[in-house]
């Protein structure tokens, strides 16, 4: 199941993009803040299985395992039977690289590690205090014009920064990647979710089940049972049933990788969505 984004540009041409509702995140692939080669075999196995299952959107970043996640993702793609053009690859530039020349160099390094000619989506990973956003986007816009990046987005941006990004970007901002999950409604309260839904911007929810540590209460358990699904699948379905919301869970466990992927096909009723919205407000145990 996919979302189609349609943007009317200043030239009246139509910009179309389709993205699967559930992609595969790569945080902890190849390590965490630094590379850990001892995890390469299990990391590559997870990536290979995700490709076999049918994931087409893979989200990575130069920050993940200090670039090693990009190395492993590129290796897995090259050794798979899936063509590069059938995939949607997202990467991100770190906050310390937001100056003009550093953005260009960061992207070049990501492409070198991935061994790819372009990434489909390039994000500012986090905003940085004192950053010159216009300068950052001057570099990002050049990357798009040069064909090294297909689409631009941001991550962890509040509403003010998101709107500023739109004003500096020569192409549509297609997503704001934020921490969004049950029962965390922070990005509902700060207005980001509603703004994105009204302006054809995807909210990409990361850590959607907090690495399976999300608290399973009575309501979540009952709805999972009714759908013959796991509570974590229902938590993912709750996200992607919302307009303009996609998510990027990850797992090393083949069973969970498949369950996450299948969660996109679960259809929750309006009543079930409402019950999940309110369950934690009622301290439902």
Protein backbone atom coordinates (compact mmCIF):
# COMPACT_ATOMS: atom_id res chain seq x y z
CA UNK A 1 0.00 0.00 0.00
CA UNK A 2 1.42 3.36 -1.03
CA UNK A 3 0.81 7.08 -0.82
CA UNK A 4 0.91 9.28 -3.89
CA UNK A 5 2.05 12.84 -3.43
CA UNK A 6 0.97 15.36 -6.04
CA UNK A 7 2.43 18.86 -6.06
CA UNK A 8 1.46 21.68 -8.37
CA UNK A 9 4.64 23.64 -8.97
CA UNK A 10 5.03 27.23 -10.06
CA UNK A 11 5.32 26.05 -13.63
CA UNK A 12 2.00 24.19 -13.32
CA UNK A 13 3.69 20.85 -13.99
CA UNK A 14 2.68 17.97 -11.80
CA UNK A 15 5.11 16.33 -9.39
CA UNK A 16 4.17 12.74 -8.51
CA UNK A 17 5.81 10.41 -6.04
CA UNK A 18 4.64 7.15 -4.52
CA UNK A 19 5.98 5.79 -1.26
CA UNK A 20 5.09 2.60 0.62
CA UNK A 21 3.30 3.12 3.91
CA UNK A 22 5.87 0.99 5.74
CA UNK A 23 9.58 1.17 5.01
CA UNK A 24 12.67 -0.24 6.70
CA UNK A 25 14.76 1.86 9.07
CA UNK A 26 18.49 1.19 9.48
CA UNK A 27 19.33 2.66 12.88
CA UNK A 28 21.46 -0.03 14.63
CA UNK A 29 22.39 -1.62 11.29
CA UNK A 30 26.18 -1.98 11.44
CA UNK A 31 26.42 -0.42 14.88
CA UNK A 32 24.96 2.61 16.64
CA UNK A 33 26.92 5.87 16.91
CA UNK A 34 30.04 4.10 15.66
CA UNK A 35 30.63 1.15 13.35
CA UNK A 36 30.58 -2.31 14.89
CA UNK A 37 31.78 -4.79 12.23
CA UNK A 38 30.96 -7.72 14.55
CA UNK A 39 27.29 -7.09 13.72
CA UNK A 40 27.78 -7.09 9.94
CA UNK A 41 26.48 -10.61 9.36
CA UNK A 42 23.26 -10.10 11.31
CA UNK A 43 22.80 -6.64 9.79
CA UNK A 44 23.22 -7.91 6.24
CA UNK A 45 20.88 -10.83 6.96
CA UNK A 46 18.19 -8.40 8.13
CA UNK A 47 18.60 -6.20 5.04
CA UNK A 48 18.57 -9.17 2.68
CA UNK A 49 15.43 -10.56 4.29
CA UNK A 50 13.70 -7.16 4.13
CA UNK A 51 14.46 -6.99 0.40
CA UNK A 52 13.12 -10.52 -0.07
CA UNK A 53 9.93 -9.70 1.85
CA UNK A 54 9.28 -6.76 -0.46
CA UNK A 55 10.38 -3.60 1.34
CA UNK A 56 11.27 -0.93 -1.20
CA UNK A 57 11.84 2.12 1.02
CA UNK A 58 15.05 1.99 3.06
CA UNK A 59 15.91 4.84 5.41
CA UNK A 60 19.51 5.45 6.46
CA UNK A 61 21.82 8.31 7.48
CA UNK A 62 25.49 9.24 7.56
CA UNK A 63 25.14 9.33 11.36
CA UNK A 64 24.10 5.68 11.60
CA UNK A 65 27.11 3.59 12.64
CA UNK A 66 29.22 6.53 11.44
CA UNK A 67 28.33 5.75 7.82
CA UNK A 68 28.65 1.98 8.08
CA UNK A 69 24.87 1.52 7.81
CA UNK A 70 25.07 3.10 4.35
CA UNK A 71 27.94 0.76 3.44
CA UNK A 72 25.90 -2.30 4.40
CA UNK A 73 22.69 -1.09 2.78
CA UNK A 74 24.50 -0.54 -0.50
CA UNK A 75 26.12 -3.95 -0.27
CA UNK A 76 22.79 -5.66 0.41
CA UNK A 77 21.12 -3.92 -2.54
CA UNK A 78 23.95 -4.82 -4.92
CA UNK A 79 23.83 -8.48 -3.94
CA UNK A 80 20.03 -8.68 -4.23
CA UNK A 81 17.90 -9.34 -7.28
CA UNK A 82 16.11 -6.02 -6.81
CA UNK A 83 16.94 -3.29 -9.29
CA UNK A 84 18.13 0.02 -7.85
CA UNK A 85 15.40 1.94 -9.67
CA UNK A 86 12.73 -0.15 -7.95
CA UNK A 87 13.92 1.11 -4.55
CA UNK A 88 13.47 4.37 -2.69
CA UNK A 89 16.59 5.19 -0.66
CA UNK A 90 16.57 7.94 1.97
CA UNK A 91 19.65 9.31 3.69
CA UNK A 92 20.34 12.27 5.96
CA UNK A 93 22.98 14.91 6.57
CA UNK A 94 24.10 15.39 10.18
CA UNK A 95 23.65 18.71 12.05
CA UNK A 96 27.41 19.34 12.05
CA UNK A 97 27.45 19.32 8.24
CA UNK A 98 24.83 21.96 7.46
CA UNK A 99 27.15 24.54 5.91
CA UNK A 100 27.16 24.80 2.11
CA UNK A 101 30.36 22.92 1.25
CA UNK A 102 29.89 20.41 4.05
CA UNK A 103 26.41 19.47 2.79
CA UNK A 104 27.80 18.78 -0.67
CA UNK A 105 30.67 16.73 0.76
CA UNK A 106 28.36 14.80 3.10
CA UNK A 107 26.13 13.78 0.22
CA UNK A 108 29.12 12.75 -1.89
CA UNK A 109 30.35 10.58 0.98
CA UNK A 110 26.93 8.97 1.44
CA UNK A 111 26.74 8.16 -2.27
CA UNK A 112 30.27 6.74 -2.16
CA UNK A 113 29.40 4.47 0.76
CA UNK A 114 26.13 3.39 -0.84
CA UNK A 115 27.88 3.03 -4.20
CA UNK A 116 24.89 4.73 -5.81
CA UNK A 117 24.62 7.62 -8.24
CA UNK A 118 21.77 9.26 -6.36
CA UNK A 119 19.51 9.01 -3.33
CA UNK A 120 15.78 9.36 -3.75
CA UNK A 121 15.36 11.50 -0.65
CA UNK A 122 17.86 13.55 1.36
CA UNK A 123 16.94 14.98 4.75
CA UNK A 124 18.38 17.39 7.26
CA UNK A 125 18.66 14.93 10.14
CA UNK A 126 18.27 17.44 12.97
CA UNK A 127 18.11 21.22 13.11
CA UNK A 128 21.10 22.90 14.74
CA UNK A 129 21.01 26.01 16.88
CA UNK A 130 22.46 28.90 14.90
CA UNK A 131 22.28 27.08 11.56
CA UNK A 132 21.86 29.16 8.43
CA UNK A 133 18.97 27.28 6.87
CA UNK A 134 19.04 29.30 3.65
CA UNK A 135 22.71 28.34 3.11
CA UNK A 136 21.92 24.69 3.82
CA UNK A 137 19.15 24.69 1.24
CA UNK A 138 21.35 26.43 -1.29
CA UNK A 139 23.48 23.27 -1.20
CA UNK A 140 20.49 20.92 -1.09
CA UNK A 141 18.95 22.64 -4.09
CA UNK A 142 22.22 22.23 -6.00
CA UNK A 143 22.25 18.50 -5.19
CA UNK A 144 18.77 18.21 -6.70
CA UNK A 145 19.74 20.21 -9.79
CA UNK A 146 22.84 18.02 -10.21
CA UNK A 147 20.75 14.84 -10.05
CA UNK A 148 22.45 13.48 -6.94
CA UNK A 149 19.26 13.86 -4.90
CA UNK A 150 15.73 13.37 -6.25
CA UNK A 151 13.69 14.86 -3.40
CA UNK A 152 14.26 16.90 -0.24
CA UNK A 153 12.86 16.70 3.26
CA UNK A 154 13.62 17.44 6.89
CA UNK A 155 13.62 15.56 10.16
CA UNK A 156 12.79 16.62 13.73
CA UNK A 157 11.63 20.05 12.53
CA UNK A 158 8.99 22.07 14.35
CA UNK A 159 6.32 23.94 12.43
CA UNK A 160 8.28 27.20 12.18
CA UNK A 161 11.38 25.49 10.77
CA UNK A 162 9.29 23.36 8.43
CA UNK A 163 7.69 26.45 6.91
CA UNK A 164 11.08 28.15 6.58
CA UNK A 165 12.38 25.08 4.78
CA UNK A 166 9.54 25.27 2.30
CA UNK A 167 10.43 28.88 1.54
CA UNK A 168 14.10 28.03 0.84
CA UNK A 169 13.59 24.79 -1.09
CA UNK A 170 13.31 25.01 -4.87
CA UNK A 171 11.43 21.68 -4.89
CA UNK A 172 8.64 20.47 -2.61
CA UNK A 173 9.52 19.36 0.91
CA UNK A 174 8.03 15.88 0.77
CA UNK A 175 8.40 14.77 4.39
CA UNK A 176 9.16 15.71 7.97
CA UNK A 177 10.53 12.64 9.77
CA UNK A 178 9.61 12.80 13.46
CA UNK A 179 9.14 10.55 16.51
CA UNK A 180 5.44 9.70 16.38
CA UNK A 181 3.76 6.69 17.96
CA UNK A 182 1.19 5.52 20.44
CA UNK A 183 0.69 7.17 22.88
CA UNK A 184 2.98 10.12 22.02
CA UNK A 185 0.95 12.97 20.54
CA UNK A 186 3.63 15.68 20.70
CA UNK A 187 3.57 16.28 16.93
CA UNK A 188 -0.20 16.48 17.01
CA UNK A 189 -0.11 19.09 19.78
CA UNK A 190 2.59 21.20 18.10
CA UNK A 191 0.58 21.42 14.87
CA UNK A 192 3.06 19.60 12.61
CA UNK A 193 0.82 16.65 11.78
CA UNK A 194 -2.16 18.78 10.79
CA UNK A 195 -0.01 21.15 8.73
CA UNK A 196 1.60 18.29 6.85
CA UNK A 197 -1.75 16.66 6.14
CA UNK A 198 -3.12 19.94 4.80
CA UNK A 199 -0.06 20.68 2.67
CA UNK A 200 0.65 17.32 1.03
CA UNK A 201 3.73 16.60 3.16
CA UNK A 202 4.29 13.13 4.55
CA UNK A 203 4.96 12.62 8.22
CA UNK A 204 7.48 9.79 8.46
CA UNK A 205 7.14 8.27 11.92
CA UNK A 206 10.37 6.87 13.31
CA UNK A 207 10.73 4.56 16.35
CA UNK A 208 7.03 3.73 15.84
CA UNK A 209 6.94 1.01 18.52
CA UNK A 210 10.01 2.15 20.51
CA UNK A 211 11.90 -1.01 19.55
CA UNK A 212 8.96 -3.09 20.77
CA UNK A 213 8.95 -1.47 24.20
CA UNK A 214 5.62 0.31 23.66
CA UNK A 215 3.29 -0.44 26.57
CA UNK A 216 0.52 -2.84 25.57
CA UNK A 217 -2.64 -1.86 27.42
CA UNK A 218 -6.07 -3.47 27.43
CA UNK A 219 -7.40 -1.60 24.38
CA UNK A 220 -4.37 -2.30 22.22
CA UNK A 221 -4.45 -5.96 23.26
CA UNK A 222 -8.16 -6.35 22.49
CA UNK A 223 -7.89 -4.76 19.04
CA UNK A 224 -4.86 -6.91 18.23
CA UNK A 225 -6.77 -10.04 19.18
CA UNK A 226 -9.75 -8.98 17.04
CA UNK A 227 -7.48 -8.72 13.98
CA UNK A 228 -5.41 -11.83 14.77
CA UNK A 229 -2.43 -9.48 14.84
CA UNK A 230 0.25 -8.51 17.30
CA UNK A 231 -0.11 -5.30 19.35
CA UNK A 232 2.92 -3.94 17.50
CA UNK A 233 1.24 -4.52 14.14
CA UNK A 234 -1.81 -2.62 15.39
CA UNK A 235 0.40 0.25 16.57
CA UNK A 236 1.90 0.44 13.06
CA UNK A 237 -1.53 0.17 11.43
CA UNK A 238 -2.78 3.03 13.63
CA UNK A 239 -0.03 5.21 12.18
CA UNK A 240 -0.44 4.40 8.50
CA UNK A 241 -4.25 4.53 8.62
CA UNK A 242 -3.82 8.27 9.20
CA UNK A 243 -3.69 10.51 6.13
CA UNK A 244 -0.15 11.37 5.01
CA UNK A 245 1.59 9.22 7.63
CA UNK A 246 4.16 6.54 6.79
CA UNK A 247 6.59 4.76 9.09
CA UNK A 248 10.01 3.08 9.06
CA UNK A 249 10.28 0.36 11.73
CA UNK A 250 13.33 -1.89 11.86
CA UNK A 251 14.14 -5.28 13.29
CA UNK A 252 16.84 -7.92 13.06
CA UNK A 253 14.26 -10.67 13.61
CA UNK A 254 12.85 -12.12 10.34
CA UNK A 255 9.49 -12.80 12.01
CA UNK A 256 9.17 -9.19 13.13
CA UNK A 257 10.43 -7.84 9.79
CA UNK A 258 7.62 -9.71 8.03
CA UNK A 259 5.01 -8.74 10.65
CA UNK A 260 5.95 -5.07 10.32
CA UNK A 261 5.64 -5.25 6.55
CA UNK A 262 2.22 -6.98 6.74
CA UNK A 263 0.87 -4.36 9.15
CA UNK A 264 0.26 -2.06 6.16
CA UNK A 265 -2.60 -4.36 5.12
CA UNK A 266 -4.48 -4.15 8.44
CA UNK A 267 -7.58 -2.00 8.20
CA UNK A 268 -8.76 -0.45 11.46
CA UNK A 269 -12.28 0.91 11.83
CA UNK A 270 -12.92 4.52 12.77
CA UNK A 271 -14.06 3.31 16.19
CA UNK A 272 -10.85 1.34 16.71
CA UNK A 273 -8.76 4.34 15.68
CA UNK A 274 -10.66 6.51 18.16
CA UNK A 275 -10.27 3.96 20.95
CA UNK A 276 -6.52 3.85 20.37
CA UNK A 277 -6.34 7.65 20.27
CA UNK A 278 -7.93 7.84 23.71
CA UNK A 279 -6.77 4.66 25.45
CA UNK A 280 -3.75 6.10 27.20
CA UNK A 281 -5.62 9.29 28.15
CA UNK A 282 -7.91 7.11 30.23
CA UNK A 283 -4.96 5.30 31.84
CA UNK A 284 -6.37 2.11 30.37
CA UNK A 285 -4.57 -0.83 31.91
